[in-house]
Amino acid sequence: MVDADMDEGDIIIVDRAVEPYNNCKAVCFIDGEYTVKRVVIGENGAVLMPCNAHNSHYKPIPVGPENDFLIWGVVTYIIKKA
């Protein structure tokens, strides 16, 4: 998540008590896999947005009723590797 100030080796602090909100960074469980994404919450549900704008390989992931989906926790802090 280069464009989200998260780099390889950084430590993220995730708070499971924080209610997910629009544009939050979160650890999400979708269809058997965990991922860290920016969550866009709209009237029609959620979309998991990649934060690697320079790499078009990563596409937004729309979340629908057919998905096994859970926002596991909201990223509250990023500890940078020295």
C-alpha atoms as a PDB file:
ATOM      1  CA  MET A   1       0.000   0.000   0.000  1.00  0.00           C
ATOM      2  CA  VAL A   2       2.638   2.415  -1.144  1.00  0.00           C
ATOM      3  CA  ASP A   3       0.201   5.301  -1.615  1.00  0.00           C
ATOM      4  CA  ALA A   4      -1.172   4.727   1.910  1.00  0.00           C
ATOM      5  CA  ASP A   5       2.214   5.313   3.589  1.00  0.00           C
ATOM      6  CA  MET A   6       2.603   1.588   4.313  1.00  0.00           C
ATOM      7  CA  ASP A   7       5.821  -0.046   3.187  1.00  0.00           C
ATOM      8  CA  GLU A   8       7.272  -3.556   3.436  1.00  0.00           C
ATOM      9  CA  GLY A   9       8.394  -4.185   7.018  1.00  0.00           C
ATOM     10  CA  ASP A  10       6.164  -1.537   8.625  1.00  0.00           C
ATOM     11  CA  ILE A  11       3.975  -2.516  11.560  1.00  0.00           C
ATOM     12  CA  ILE A  12       0.292  -1.602  11.545  1.00  0.00           C
ATOM     13  CA  ILE A  13      -1.812  -1.214  14.664  1.00  0.00           C
ATOM     14  CA  VAL A  14      -5.355  -2.430  14.102  1.00  0.00           C
ATOM     15  CA  ASP A  15      -8.237  -1.567  16.422  1.00  0.00           C
ATOM     16  CA  ARG A  16     -11.153  -3.986  16.224  1.00  0.00           C
ATOM     17  CA  ALA A  17     -13.300  -1.727  18.425  1.00  0.00           C
ATOM     18  CA  VAL A  18     -13.285   1.167  15.924  1.00  0.00           C
ATOM     19  CA  GLU A  19     -16.394   1.256  13.748  1.00  0.00           C
ATOM     20  CA  PRO A  20     -15.363   1.138  10.063  1.00  0.00           C
ATOM     21  CA  TYR A  21     -15.924   4.454   8.274  1.00  0.00           C
ATOM     22  CA  ASN A  22     -15.741   5.671   4.694  1.00  0.00           C
ATOM     23  CA  ASN A  23     -12.159   5.802   3.326  1.00  0.00           C
ATOM     24  CA  CYS A  24     -10.648   4.067   6.347  1.00  0.00           C
ATOM     25  CA  LYS A  25      -7.717   1.699   5.938  1.00  0.00           C
ATOM     26  CA  ALA A  26      -8.711  -1.686   7.264  1.00  0.00           C
ATOM     27  CA  VAL A  27      -7.772  -5.332   7.531  1.00  0.00           C
ATOM     28  CA  CYS A  28     -10.509  -7.113   5.610  1.00  0.00           C
ATOM     29  CA  PHE A  29     -11.411 -10.765   5.204  1.00  0.00           C
ATOM     30  CA  ILE A  30     -12.939 -11.536   1.822  1.00  0.00           C
ATOM     31  CA  ASP A  31     -13.620 -14.967   0.370  1.00  0.00           C
ATOM     32  CA  GLY A  32     -11.057 -16.793   2.494  1.00  0.00           C
ATOM     33  CA  GLU A  33      -8.221 -14.248   2.316  1.00  0.00           C
ATOM     34  CA  TYR A  34      -7.065 -11.334   4.446  1.00  0.00           C
ATOM     35  CA  THR A  35      -6.043  -8.054   2.815  1.00  0.00           C
ATOM     36  CA  VAL A  36      -5.348  -4.465   3.849  1.00  0.00           C
ATOM     37  CA  LYS A  37      -7.307  -1.992   1.739  1.00  0.00           C
ATOM     38  CA  ARG A  38      -8.924   1.424   1.822  1.00  0.00           C
ATOM     39  CA  VAL A  39     -12.658   0.834   2.312  1.00  0.00           C
ATOM     40  CA  VAL A  40     -15.110   3.031   0.427  1.00  0.00           C
ATOM     41  CA  ILE A  41     -18.590   2.691   1.904  1.00  0.00           C
ATOM     42  CA  GLY A  42     -21.488   3.828  -0.251  1.00  0.00           C
ATOM     43  CA  GLU A  43     -25.218   3.393  -0.539  1.00  0.00           C
ATOM     44  CA  ASN A  44     -24.748   0.229  -2.614  1.00  0.00           C
ATOM     45  CA  GLY A  45     -22.242  -1.422  -0.261  1.00  0.00           C
ATOM     46  CA  ALA A  46     -18.475  -1.365   0.030  1.00  0.00           C
ATOM     47  CA  VAL A  47     -15.599  -1.300  -2.425  1.00  0.00           C
ATOM     48  CA  LEU A  48     -12.078  -2.295  -1.409  1.00  0.00           C
ATOM     49  CA  MET A  49      -9.672   0.138  -3.042  1.00  0.00           C
ATOM     50  CA  PRO A  50      -6.004  -0.591  -3.734  1.00  0.00           C
ATOM     51  CA  CYS A  51      -3.526   2.041  -2.616  1.00  0.00           C
ATOM     52  CA  ASN A  52      -0.980   1.447  -5.362  1.00  0.00           C
ATOM     53  CA  ALA A  53      -2.141   4.024  -7.901  1.00  0.00           C
ATOM     54  CA  HIS A  54       1.085   3.684  -9.876  1.00  0.00           C
ATOM     55  CA  ASN A  55       0.390  -0.014 -10.500  1.00  0.00           C
ATOM     56  CA  SER A  56      -2.707  -0.653 -12.630  1.00  0.00           C
ATOM     57  CA  HIS A  57      -2.420  -4.400 -11.877  1.00  0.00           C
ATOM     58  CA  TYR A  58      -4.474  -3.867  -8.699  1.00  0.00           C
ATOM     59  CA  LYS A  59      -8.184  -3.253  -9.301  1.00  0.00           C
ATOM     60  CA  PRO A  60     -10.969  -2.156  -6.917  1.00  0.00           C
ATOM     61  CA  ILE A  61     -12.856  -5.071  -5.382  1.00  0.00           C
ATOM     62  CA  PRO A  62     -16.625  -4.530  -5.126  1.00  0.00           C
ATOM     63  CA  VAL A  63     -18.174  -6.345  -2.173  1.00  0.00           C
ATOM     64  CA  GLY A  64     -21.569  -7.922  -2.718  1.00  0.00           C
ATOM     65  CA  PRO A  65     -23.916 -10.298  -0.927  1.00  0.00           C
ATOM     66  CA  GLU A  66     -22.228 -13.257  -2.635  1.00  0.00           C
ATOM     67  CA  ASN A  67     -18.917 -12.488  -0.894  1.00  0.00           C
ATOM     68  CA  ASP A  68     -17.854 -13.857   2.484  1.00  0.00           C
ATOM     69  CA  PHE A  69     -16.762 -10.466   3.845  1.00  0.00           C
ATOM     70  CA  LEU A  70     -15.744  -8.996   7.180  1.00  0.00           C
ATOM     71  CA  ILE A  71     -13.916  -5.814   8.149  1.00  0.00           C
ATOM     72  CA  TRP A  72     -11.658  -7.373  10.779  1.00  0.00           C
ATOM     73  CA  GLY A  73     -10.336  -4.079  12.145  1.00  0.00           C
ATOM     74  CA  VAL A  74      -9.453  -0.480  11.292  1.00  0.00           C
ATOM     75  CA  VAL A  75      -5.813   0.579  10.911  1.00  0.00           C
ATOM     76  CA  THR A  76      -5.187   3.275  13.510  1.00  0.00           C
ATOM     77  CA  TYR A  77      -1.379   3.628  13.452  1.00  0.00           C
ATOM     78  CA  ILE A  78       1.522   2.774  11.147  1.00  0.00           C
ATOM     79  CA  ILE A  79       4.937   2.235  12.724  1.00  0.00           C
ATOM     80  CA  LYS A  80       7.650   2.830  10.148  1.00  0.00           C
ATOM     81  CA  LYS A  81      10.642   0.548   9.924  1.00  0.00           C
ATOM     82  CA  ALA A  82      13.846   2.442  10.708  1.00  0.00           C
END
